[in-house]
Structures are given as structure tokens and as C-alpha cells.
Amino acid sequence: MLATRYRDSITLKGFAVTQFEKVAKDKLKNMQKLLSDSAKLLGVNHIFIAANDQVIAANFISQMEISKFSTPVITRQEWLQFPLLTFEQFERRNVHFINPDYIDYDNYAVQSFRNTFLKKAYIIPEIYAFQGYDMMRFFGNALKNFGNVFGPGLSAQGFTRGYTLYGYNFTNSNSNLFVPIIKFEGNKMVVANSVDQIK
């Protein structure tokens, strides 16, 4: 379903999808054949993989390592949890992760919240604590700045930085349109989709 939605959204924007195929564990040879076709890969500006399976992920990265191609790859954040793959491989193969839960632990506000939470609750905060805190601050500020009917105000303000999360964009929408896409640079996670590209 994710792959279909992605395909439909980029074709609406005028992009051409050259290959759309369901990859299962019993059809890994098909994927390897596609990735070994250097002529096809040269004409591709990125590869999107919706699979959330460690075997498929490991085979894909292994084939990309063999072919030496660094065509940008977009995939799910779950790949970061697969022990068979390393951050160095992700950086070498130019892998990008859709990561709505991205938190920059080097950020002072994140460290401050984490330390305060730890002192008060005696446990390290999970993602839900960061999300809850950030959203309460965000919507609390929306109520303060725009009153009870804050939708039009949020729509007009465009992208807004979060406190512990990366940020929000409610332009012409009731949902947050901004989802961080992260990648590795020098073994450090960075946000690849810059805020000035948000519309």
C-alpha cells in the first residue's frame, strides 16, 4: 500500500516510474537482476523500497554494494534496526529513511527534556514522551497565538520548528505535512529534506 501511494503521488507530480514490482523473499533473484542492470540504473534518479523485511533489505544493500551504484534509495525507518546492516553501508549506498520519529539527540532542547524527564520519572523517555511534550507545546502555542479556531493560523504560518521533534507544517491541511527524511553523513544522522523545500 505504501509503495502504491508513493508511486501515485510522484506520478501526479510528473515523474515517471520505470519499475514497480512486489519483491518477496522467494523472488530475490528478480531484484538482484534489476539491480545488476547498470544501464537501467543510470537512468534512475532514486529507488523507493517499501519492504520492511531484514532479508530483503540485506539482499538489496548487498547487491548495491556489488554494483557500486549510489543511486539514492528511500526506505522505511525500520531498516535502522536491522542488525545485519551497518550505518556505514547506508552512508555508502546513499540510503534515505522516512523517519517521522526522528529526534536529534545532540539538540540542546532534546537533552534538556530528556534530563528533566529522567530526574522526575526515573526512566529514559521513549518516543511517545517526546511526541506528547512537543505536540502539547505546539498546540498550546497555537491556542495562545490564534485562539480556539487555530486552523487558519497554522495554515498561514507554514513550517514551524518543533521543540524536541523536527517540525510541523499544516499549510492547507489538518495533518502535519512535514515528515523528516534522514540520511547519514560522516556516520551522523542528518535531515535530508530541507525546510525551504516545503510547500
Protein backbone atom coordinates (compact mmCIF):
# COMPACT_ATOMS: atom_id res chain seq x y z
CA MET A 1 0.00 0.00 0.00
CA LEU A 2 2.83 2.41 0.86
CA ALA A 3 4.56 1.69 -2.47
CA THR A 4 1.31 2.30 -4.37
CA ARG A 5 0.69 5.60 -2.59
CA TYR A 6 4.26 6.69 -3.26
CA ARG A 7 4.03 5.77 -6.95
CA ASP A 8 0.72 7.59 -7.34
CA SER A 9 1.96 10.72 -5.58
CA ILE A 10 5.11 11.11 -7.67
CA THR A 11 3.40 10.34 -10.99
CA LEU A 12 0.89 13.11 -10.17
CA LYS A 13 3.89 15.45 -9.95
CA GLY A 14 5.08 14.42 -13.42
CA PHE A 15 7.72 11.84 -12.54
CA ALA A 16 7.97 8.56 -14.48
CA VAL A 17 8.11 5.25 -12.59
CA THR A 18 10.30 2.91 -14.61
CA GLN A 19 9.82 -0.19 -12.46
CA PHE A 20 7.11 -1.11 -9.96
CA GLU A 21 7.38 -4.62 -8.59
CA LYS A 22 6.47 -6.53 -5.47
CA VAL A 23 9.60 -8.17 -4.08
CA ALA A 24 9.14 -11.26 -1.93
CA LYS A 25 11.79 -13.45 -0.32
CA ASP A 26 11.21 -16.13 -2.95
CA LYS A 27 11.80 -13.60 -5.76
CA LEU A 28 15.09 -12.08 -4.59
CA LYS A 29 16.78 -13.12 -7.85
CA ASN A 30 14.43 -10.75 -9.71
CA MET A 31 15.61 -7.88 -7.52
CA GLN A 32 19.25 -8.84 -7.97
CA LYS A 33 18.77 -8.95 -11.75
CA LEU A 34 17.20 -5.48 -11.76
CA LEU A 35 19.98 -4.03 -9.62
CA SER A 36 22.74 -5.55 -11.75
CA ASP A 37 21.43 -3.79 -14.88
CA SER A 38 23.78 -0.79 -14.90
CA ALA A 39 22.16 0.75 -17.99
CA LYS A 40 18.78 0.87 -16.24
CA LEU A 41 20.25 2.20 -13.01
CA LEU A 42 22.00 5.06 -14.79
CA GLY A 43 18.64 6.45 -15.89
CA VAL A 44 17.05 6.26 -12.42
CA ASN A 45 17.19 9.25 -10.08
CA HIS A 46 16.14 7.28 -6.98
CA ILE A 47 14.84 3.91 -5.79
CA PHE A 48 11.96 3.59 -3.32
CA ILE A 49 11.64 0.37 -1.32
CA ALA A 50 8.61 -0.08 0.91
CA ALA A 51 9.67 -3.53 2.17
CA ASN A 52 10.06 -3.93 5.91
CA ASP A 53 11.94 -7.23 5.92
CA GLN A 54 15.54 -7.65 7.04
CA VAL A 55 16.30 -10.39 4.46
CA ILE A 56 15.10 -8.20 1.59
CA ALA A 57 16.92 -5.16 2.99
CA ALA A 58 20.20 -7.08 3.44
CA ASN A 59 19.99 -8.56 -0.07
CA PHE A 60 19.22 -5.16 -1.57
CA ILE A 61 22.15 -3.43 0.17
CA SER A 62 24.46 -6.34 -0.69
CA GLN A 63 23.53 -6.06 -4.38
CA MET A 64 24.03 -2.28 -4.29
CA GLU A 65 27.47 -2.84 -2.72
CA ILE A 66 28.37 -5.26 -5.53
CA SER A 67 27.15 -2.93 -8.28
CA LYS A 68 28.86 0.08 -6.59
CA PHE A 69 25.93 2.30 -7.53
CA SER A 70 24.99 5.10 -5.16
CA THR A 71 21.61 5.89 -6.69
CA PRO A 72 19.68 7.47 -3.79
CA VAL A 73 17.47 4.96 -2.00
CA ILE A 74 14.38 5.91 0.03
CA THR A 75 13.02 3.42 2.51
CA ARG A 76 11.46 2.98 5.94
CA GLN A 77 12.99 3.88 9.29
CA GLU A 78 12.70 0.24 10.43
CA TRP A 79 15.80 -0.58 8.38
CA LEU A 80 17.83 1.29 11.00
CA GLN A 81 17.02 -1.51 13.48
CA PHE A 82 18.29 -4.36 11.30
CA PRO A 83 21.48 -5.81 12.87
CA LEU A 84 22.65 -7.27 9.53
CA LEU A 85 23.21 -3.76 8.13
CA THR A 86 25.58 -1.01 9.23
CA PHE A 87 25.35 2.77 9.21
CA GLU A 88 28.50 2.82 7.03
CA GLN A 89 26.69 0.74 4.38
CA PHE A 90 23.73 3.11 4.50
CA GLU A 91 26.01 6.09 4.01
CA ARG A 92 27.99 4.43 1.18
CA ARG A 93 24.82 3.43 -0.66
CA ASN A 94 23.10 6.80 -0.15
CA VAL A 95 20.12 5.37 1.75
CA HIS A 96 17.45 7.81 3.00
CA PHE A 97 14.91 6.91 5.67
CA ILE A 98 11.34 8.16 6.08
CA ASN A 99 11.50 8.87 9.78
CA PRO A 100 8.55 10.69 11.37
CA ASP A 101 10.02 9.81 14.79
CA TYR A 102 13.40 11.46 14.14
CA ILE A 103 14.94 13.10 17.20
CA ASP A 104 18.29 14.89 17.14
CA TYR A 105 19.84 13.82 20.43
CA ASP A 106 22.57 16.45 20.02
CA ASN A 107 19.90 19.17 20.20
CA TYR A 108 20.04 21.11 23.49
CA ALA A 109 16.22 21.11 23.89
CA VAL A 110 16.14 17.33 23.45
CA GLN A 111 18.89 16.84 26.02
CA SER A 112 17.18 19.21 28.44
CA PHE A 113 13.82 17.42 28.13
CA ARG A 114 15.47 14.00 28.45
CA ASN A 115 17.38 15.01 31.61
CA THR A 116 14.33 16.62 33.22
CA PHE A 117 12.15 13.60 32.40
CA LEU A 118 14.79 11.25 33.81
CA LYS A 119 15.03 13.24 37.06
CA LYS A 120 11.26 13.30 37.56
CA ALA A 121 10.21 9.86 36.28
CA TYR A 122 13.45 7.87 36.86
CA ILE A 123 13.25 6.38 33.37
CA ILE A 124 14.61 7.42 29.98
CA PRO A 125 11.77 8.92 27.88
CA GLU A 126 10.54 6.90 24.92
CA ILE A 127 9.49 8.47 21.62
CA TYR A 128 5.91 8.87 22.91
CA ALA A 129 7.09 11.18 25.69
CA PHE A 130 8.93 13.40 23.17
CA GLN A 131 5.92 13.39 20.82
CA GLY A 132 3.43 14.21 23.58
CA TYR A 133 5.55 17.00 25.02
CA ASP A 134 6.28 18.53 21.61
CA MET A 135 2.67 18.42 20.45
CA MET A 136 1.38 19.95 23.71
CA ARG A 137 3.84 22.83 23.30
CA PHE A 138 2.99 23.25 19.62
CA PHE A 139 -0.80 23.26 20.05
CA GLY A 140 -0.55 25.24 23.28
CA ASN A 141 1.27 27.96 21.35
CA ALA A 142 -1.34 27.72 18.57
CA LEU A 143 -4.13 28.33 21.11
CA LYS A 144 -2.20 31.24 22.61
CA ASN A 145 -1.42 32.84 19.22
CA PHE A 146 -4.62 32.10 17.26
CA GLY A 147 -7.32 31.30 19.82
CA ASN A 148 -9.76 28.36 19.74
CA VAL A 149 -10.05 28.34 15.94
CA PHE A 150 -6.34 27.97 15.21
CA GLY A 151 -6.56 26.06 11.89
CA PRO A 152 -6.31 29.11 9.60
CA GLY A 153 -3.42 30.50 11.65
CA LEU A 154 -1.48 27.23 11.47
CA SER A 155 -2.16 27.00 7.74
CA ALA A 156 -0.83 30.52 7.17
CA GLN A 157 2.32 30.15 9.25
CA GLY A 158 3.75 27.31 7.15
CA PHE A 159 6.63 25.29 8.56
CA THR A 160 7.35 25.69 12.27
CA ARG A 161 10.29 24.14 14.08
CA GLY A 162 9.45 21.69 16.82
CA TYR A 163 10.97 21.71 20.27
CA THR A 164 12.18 18.12 20.52
CA LEU A 165 10.84 16.90 17.15
CA TYR A 166 11.99 18.40 13.85
CA GLY A 167 8.89 20.42 13.00
CA TYR A 168 5.36 20.87 11.66
CA ASN A 169 3.68 22.09 8.50
CA PHE A 170 -0.12 22.41 8.48
CA THR A 171 -0.36 24.51 5.30
CA ASN A 172 -3.81 23.84 3.79
CA SER A 173 -4.06 20.63 5.81
CA ASN A 174 -5.37 19.19 9.08
CA SER A 175 -2.37 16.84 9.20
CA ASN A 176 1.31 17.55 9.62
CA LEU A 177 2.68 17.54 6.07
CA PHE A 178 6.33 17.50 7.11
CA VAL A 179 8.00 14.12 7.56
CA PRO A 180 11.76 14.11 8.12
CA ILE A 181 13.81 12.15 5.61
CA ILE A 182 17.14 11.30 7.19
CA LYS A 183 20.44 10.02 5.89
CA PHE A 184 23.98 9.52 7.18
CA GLU A 185 26.80 11.98 6.65
CA GLY A 186 30.06 11.18 8.39
CA ASN A 187 28.30 8.46 10.43
CA LYS A 188 25.89 11.09 11.77
CA MET A 189 22.15 11.27 11.04
CA VAL A 190 21.06 14.45 9.30
CA VAL A 191 17.74 15.66 7.90
CA ALA A 192 17.98 15.46 4.10
CA ASN A 193 14.77 17.29 3.13
CA SER A 194 15.48 20.92 3.86
CA VAL A 195 12.70 23.11 5.22
CA ASP A 196 12.98 25.66 2.41
CA GLN A 197 11.68 22.97 0.00
CA ILE A 198 8.42 22.55 1.93
CA LYS A 199 5.29 23.84 0.20
